[in-house]
Amino acid sequence: MVPHTWAQEMVVGKCTYGYNNQVGLDRRRPAVDTIMVMDYSHWAIDRDELSPEFNDDDSDIALRHSGRANALFGDGSVRALALEEIRDGMWTLGPAD
């Protein structure tokens, strides 16, 4: 393990929110549409493990708020998102990349 990083194996059980593990991998400032933290069943959101459609039975996105998940974005705003509003580009640091 690299010092000052987290490994998913270190966590046991469920969490309330997960952070986007793409944030912190490089020093770029996240785009305004980058999801930083959201309602999630694990502490780290691994973009490579997300379902392409986000709405299958394997999704760990936690729809706790009337069928929506709260998400904190790179600009500091918070929105409640339905699964169909979540796009792949929201997990990357660049704007919609």
N, C-alpha and C. Protein backbone atom coordinates (compact mmCIF):
# COMPACT_ATOMS: atom_id res chain seq x y z
N MET A 1 0.84 -1.18 0.00
CA MET A 1 0.00 0.00 0.00
C MET A 1 0.88 1.25 0.00
N VAL A 2 0.50 2.22 -0.79
CA VAL A 2 1.23 3.48 -0.86
C VAL A 2 0.87 4.32 0.36
N PRO A 3 1.83 4.93 1.03
CA PRO A 3 1.51 5.76 2.20
C PRO A 3 0.52 6.86 1.84
N HIS A 4 -0.36 7.17 2.76
CA HIS A 4 -1.34 8.25 2.63
C HIS A 4 -2.41 7.95 1.59
N THR A 5 -2.68 6.70 1.32
CA THR A 5 -3.81 6.34 0.47
C THR A 5 -4.66 5.34 1.23
N TRP A 6 -5.85 5.13 0.77
CA TRP A 6 -6.76 4.20 1.41
C TRP A 6 -6.94 3.00 0.53
N ALA A 7 -7.16 1.86 1.12
CA ALA A 7 -7.45 0.64 0.38
C ALA A 7 -8.83 0.17 0.78
N GLN A 8 -9.65 -0.19 -0.19
CA GLN A 8 -11.02 -0.58 0.09
C GLN A 8 -11.10 -1.78 1.03
N GLU A 9 -10.09 -2.62 1.05
CA GLU A 9 -10.11 -3.80 1.92
C GLU A 9 -10.09 -3.43 3.40
N MET A 10 -9.74 -2.19 3.72
CA MET A 10 -9.62 -1.78 5.11
C MET A 10 -10.98 -1.53 5.77
N VAL A 11 -12.05 -1.44 5.00
CA VAL A 11 -13.36 -1.10 5.52
C VAL A 11 -14.23 -2.33 5.58
N VAL A 12 -14.91 -2.48 6.69
CA VAL A 12 -15.86 -3.58 6.86
C VAL A 12 -17.22 -2.96 7.13
N GLY A 13 -18.25 -3.49 6.49
CA GLY A 13 -19.59 -2.99 6.72
C GLY A 13 -20.01 -1.94 5.72
N LYS A 14 -21.09 -1.27 6.03
CA LYS A 14 -21.67 -0.28 5.13
C LYS A 14 -21.42 1.13 5.63
N CYS A 15 -21.41 2.07 4.71
CA CYS A 15 -21.22 3.48 5.03
C CYS A 15 -22.43 4.26 4.55
N THR A 16 -22.54 5.48 4.98
CA THR A 16 -23.63 6.34 4.56
C THR A 16 -23.32 7.04 3.25
N TYR A 17 -22.11 7.54 3.11
CA TYR A 17 -21.69 8.24 1.91
C TYR A 17 -20.40 7.64 1.38
N GLY A 18 -20.20 7.75 0.09
CA GLY A 18 -18.95 7.33 -0.52
C GLY A 18 -18.30 8.52 -1.20
N TYR A 19 -16.98 8.51 -1.25
CA TYR A 19 -16.28 9.58 -1.97
C TYR A 19 -15.80 9.03 -3.31
N ASN A 20 -15.68 9.90 -4.27
CA ASN A 20 -15.24 9.56 -5.61
C ASN A 20 -13.73 9.31 -5.56
N ASN A 21 -13.31 8.07 -5.76
CA ASN A 21 -11.89 7.77 -5.62
C ASN A 21 -11.05 8.30 -6.78
N GLN A 22 -11.66 8.92 -7.79
CA GLN A 22 -10.90 9.58 -8.85
C GLN A 22 -10.33 10.91 -8.35
N VAL A 23 -11.02 11.50 -7.36
CA VAL A 23 -10.57 12.75 -6.77
C VAL A 23 -9.38 12.44 -5.88
N GLY A 24 -8.31 13.14 -6.07
CA GLY A 24 -7.11 12.90 -5.28
C GLY A 24 -6.08 12.06 -6.01
N LEU A 25 -6.45 11.44 -7.14
CA LEU A 25 -5.48 10.67 -7.90
C LEU A 25 -4.53 11.58 -8.66
N ASP A 26 -4.97 12.78 -8.95
CA ASP A 26 -4.05 13.78 -9.50
C ASP A 26 -4.39 15.12 -8.89
N ARG A 27 -3.60 16.09 -9.14
CA ARG A 27 -3.73 17.39 -8.46
C ARG A 27 -4.64 18.38 -9.19
N ARG A 28 -5.31 17.93 -10.26
CA ARG A 28 -6.20 18.85 -10.96
C ARG A 28 -7.40 19.20 -10.09
N ARG A 29 -7.89 20.39 -10.28
CA ARG A 29 -9.12 20.80 -9.59
C ARG A 29 -10.30 20.12 -10.29
N PRO A 30 -11.23 19.54 -9.54
CA PRO A 30 -12.36 18.87 -10.18
C PRO A 30 -13.28 19.87 -10.88
N ALA A 31 -13.89 19.42 -11.95
CA ALA A 31 -14.85 20.24 -12.69
C ALA A 31 -16.10 20.45 -11.84
N VAL A 32 -16.88 21.46 -12.19
CA VAL A 32 -18.10 21.75 -11.43
C VAL A 32 -19.09 20.60 -11.46
N ASP A 33 -19.07 19.78 -12.53
CA ASP A 33 -20.03 18.67 -12.65
C ASP A 33 -19.47 17.34 -12.13
N THR A 34 -18.33 17.37 -11.43
CA THR A 34 -17.75 16.15 -10.86
C THR A 34 -18.42 15.84 -9.53
N ILE A 35 -18.92 14.62 -9.39
CA ILE A 35 -19.46 14.17 -8.11
C ILE A 35 -18.28 13.89 -7.19
N MET A 36 -18.27 14.55 -6.05
CA MET A 36 -17.21 14.37 -5.06
C MET A 36 -17.60 13.30 -4.04
N VAL A 37 -18.82 13.42 -3.52
CA VAL A 37 -19.34 12.53 -2.49
C VAL A 37 -20.82 12.34 -2.77
N MET A 38 -21.34 11.12 -2.51
CA MET A 38 -22.77 10.92 -2.67
C MET A 38 -23.25 9.78 -1.78
N ASP A 39 -24.58 9.67 -1.64
CA ASP A 39 -25.17 8.55 -0.92
C ASP A 39 -24.71 7.27 -1.59
N TYR A 40 -24.07 6.41 -0.82
CA TYR A 40 -23.45 5.21 -1.41
C TYR A 40 -23.31 4.16 -0.31
N SER A 41 -23.22 2.93 -0.68
CA SER A 41 -23.16 1.83 0.29
C SER A 41 -21.75 1.48 0.75
N HIS A 42 -20.74 2.08 0.17
CA HIS A 42 -19.35 1.85 0.57
C HIS A 42 -18.66 3.19 0.70
N TRP A 43 -17.50 3.22 1.31
CA TRP A 43 -16.83 4.50 1.54
C TRP A 43 -16.16 5.06 0.30
N ALA A 44 -15.80 4.23 -0.67
CA ALA A 44 -15.16 4.73 -1.90
C ALA A 44 -15.98 4.31 -3.11
N ILE A 45 -16.21 5.25 -4.01
CA ILE A 45 -16.92 4.97 -5.26
C ILE A 45 -15.87 4.71 -6.33
N ASP A 46 -15.82 3.49 -6.81
CA ASP A 46 -14.86 3.11 -7.84
C ASP A 46 -15.57 3.17 -9.19
N ARG A 47 -15.22 4.14 -9.99
CA ARG A 47 -15.87 4.35 -11.29
C ARG A 47 -15.85 3.07 -12.13
N ASP A 48 -14.77 2.30 -12.06
CA ASP A 48 -14.66 1.10 -12.87
C ASP A 48 -15.61 -0.01 -12.44
N GLU A 49 -16.12 0.08 -11.20
CA GLU A 49 -17.04 -0.94 -10.71
C GLU A 49 -18.50 -0.53 -10.83
N LEU A 50 -18.78 0.72 -11.23
CA LEU A 50 -20.16 1.16 -11.39
C LEU A 50 -20.77 0.51 -12.61
N SER A 51 -22.04 0.20 -12.50
CA SER A 51 -22.77 -0.30 -13.65
C SER A 51 -22.88 0.80 -14.68
N PRO A 52 -22.71 0.48 -15.96
CA PRO A 52 -22.84 1.52 -17.00
C PRO A 52 -24.20 2.21 -16.96
N GLU A 53 -25.22 1.50 -16.50
CA GLU A 53 -26.55 2.10 -16.45
C GLU A 53 -26.93 2.55 -15.04
N PHE A 54 -26.12 2.24 -14.05
CA PHE A 54 -26.29 2.65 -12.67
C PHE A 54 -27.55 2.13 -11.99
N ASN A 55 -28.44 1.50 -12.71
CA ASN A 55 -29.73 1.17 -12.11
C ASN A 55 -29.99 -0.33 -12.05
N ASP A 56 -28.96 -1.13 -12.10
CA ASP A 56 -29.19 -2.56 -11.97
C ASP A 56 -29.09 -2.97 -10.50
N ASP A 57 -29.30 -4.22 -10.21
CA ASP A 57 -29.31 -4.70 -8.83
C ASP A 57 -27.93 -4.62 -8.18
N ASP A 58 -26.87 -4.48 -8.96
CA ASP A 58 -25.52 -4.44 -8.40
C ASP A 58 -25.08 -3.04 -8.01
N SER A 59 -25.87 -2.03 -8.31
CA SER A 59 -25.48 -0.65 -8.02
C SER A 59 -25.43 -0.42 -6.51
N ASP A 60 -24.38 0.24 -6.05
CA ASP A 60 -24.26 0.60 -4.63
C ASP A 60 -24.69 2.03 -4.36
N ILE A 61 -25.18 2.72 -5.39
CA ILE A 61 -25.72 4.06 -5.19
C ILE A 61 -26.97 3.91 -4.33
N ALA A 62 -27.01 4.64 -3.22
CA ALA A 62 -28.09 4.49 -2.24
C ALA A 62 -29.15 5.56 -2.46
N LEU A 63 -30.30 5.13 -2.92
CA LEU A 63 -31.41 6.05 -3.20
C LEU A 63 -32.24 6.23 -1.93
N ARG A 64 -31.74 7.01 -1.01
CA ARG A 64 -32.34 7.15 0.32
C ARG A 64 -33.36 8.29 0.43
N HIS A 65 -33.45 9.13 -0.56
CA HIS A 65 -34.25 10.34 -0.46
C HIS A 65 -35.32 10.36 -1.55
N SER A 66 -36.42 9.67 -1.27
CA SER A 66 -37.54 9.58 -2.23
C SER A 66 -37.07 9.12 -3.60
N GLY A 67 -36.24 8.07 -3.63
CA GLY A 67 -35.75 7.51 -4.88
C GLY A 67 -34.60 8.28 -5.50
N ARG A 68 -33.94 9.12 -4.71
CA ARG A 68 -32.82 9.92 -5.19
C ARG A 68 -31.64 9.78 -4.23
N ALA A 69 -30.45 10.10 -4.74
CA ALA A 69 -29.24 10.08 -3.93
C ALA A 69 -28.67 11.50 -3.88
N ASN A 70 -28.37 11.97 -2.68
CA ASN A 70 -27.72 13.29 -2.55
C ASN A 70 -26.29 13.20 -3.05
N ALA A 71 -25.87 14.23 -3.78
CA ALA A 71 -24.51 14.27 -4.32
C ALA A 71 -23.92 15.66 -4.11
N LEU A 72 -22.66 15.69 -3.66
CA LEU A 72 -21.89 16.93 -3.54
C LEU A 72 -21.01 17.05 -4.77
N PHE A 73 -21.09 18.19 -5.45
CA PHE A 73 -20.35 18.40 -6.69
C PHE A 73 -19.11 19.25 -6.47
N GLY A 74 -18.24 19.28 -7.48
CA GLY A 74 -16.98 20.01 -7.43
C GLY A 74 -17.12 21.49 -7.18
N ASP A 75 -18.27 22.08 -7.48
CA ASP A 75 -18.49 23.51 -7.24
C ASP A 75 -19.07 23.77 -5.86
N GLY A 76 -19.25 22.71 -5.05
CA GLY A 76 -19.79 22.86 -3.70
C GLY A 76 -21.30 22.73 -3.61
N SER A 77 -21.98 22.61 -4.74
CA SER A 77 -23.43 22.46 -4.70
C SER A 77 -23.81 21.02 -4.35
N VAL A 78 -25.01 20.86 -3.82
CA VAL A 78 -25.55 19.55 -3.48
C VAL A 78 -26.88 19.41 -4.21
N ARG A 79 -27.05 18.27 -4.87
CA ARG A 79 -28.31 17.98 -5.57
C ARG A 79 -28.74 16.56 -5.27
N ALA A 80 -30.04 16.34 -5.28
CA ALA A 80 -30.59 15.00 -5.16
C ALA A 80 -30.81 14.48 -6.58
N LEU A 81 -30.14 13.37 -6.93
CA LEU A 81 -30.17 12.85 -8.29
C LEU A 81 -30.91 11.52 -8.35
N ALA A 82 -31.76 11.38 -9.36
CA ALA A 82 -32.33 10.08 -9.70
C ALA A 82 -31.28 9.33 -10.51
N LEU A 83 -31.38 8.01 -10.56
CA LEU A 83 -30.38 7.22 -11.29
C LEU A 83 -30.24 7.65 -12.74
N GLU A 84 -31.35 7.99 -13.37
CA GLU A 84 -31.27 8.36 -14.79
C GLU A 84 -30.59 9.71 -15.01
N GLU A 85 -30.36 10.48 -13.97
CA GLU A 85 -29.66 11.76 -14.09
C GLU A 85 -28.15 11.63 -13.94
N ILE A 86 -27.68 10.47 -13.50
CA ILE A 86 -26.25 10.27 -13.26
C ILE A 86 -25.60 9.79 -14.56
N ARG A 87 -24.57 10.52 -14.99
CA ARG A 87 -23.86 10.20 -16.23
C ARG A 87 -22.42 9.81 -15.90
N ASP A 88 -21.82 9.04 -16.77
CA ASP A 88 -20.46 8.57 -16.56
C ASP A 88 -19.48 9.73 -16.40
N GLY A 89 -19.66 10.83 -17.13
CA GLY A 89 -18.75 11.96 -17.06
C GLY A 89 -18.73 12.66 -15.70
N MET A 90 -19.70 12.38 -14.85
CA MET A 90 -19.75 13.00 -13.53
C MET A 90 -18.70 12.42 -12.57
N TRP A 91 -18.04 11.32 -12.95
CA TRP A 91 -17.07 10.68 -12.07
C TRP A 91 -15.64 11.13 -12.39
N THR A 92 -15.44 11.85 -13.47
CA THR A 92 -14.09 12.24 -13.89
C THR A 92 -13.81 13.67 -13.45
N LEU A 93 -12.53 14.04 -13.42
CA LEU A 93 -12.16 15.37 -12.95
C LEU A 93 -12.38 16.46 -13.98
N GLY A 94 -12.27 16.12 -15.26
CA GLY A 94 -12.46 17.11 -16.31
C GLY A 94 -13.94 17.33 -16.58
N PRO A 95 -14.30 18.47 -17.17
CA PRO A 95 -15.70 18.73 -17.44
C PRO A 95 -16.28 17.74 -18.45
N ALA A 96 -17.20 16.91 -17.98
CA ALA A 96 -17.94 15.95 -18.80
C ALA A 96 -17.04 15.07 -19.65
N ASP A 97 -15.85 14.71 -19.15
CA ASP A 97 -14.99 13.80 -19.94
C ASP A 97 -15.19 12.36 -19.54
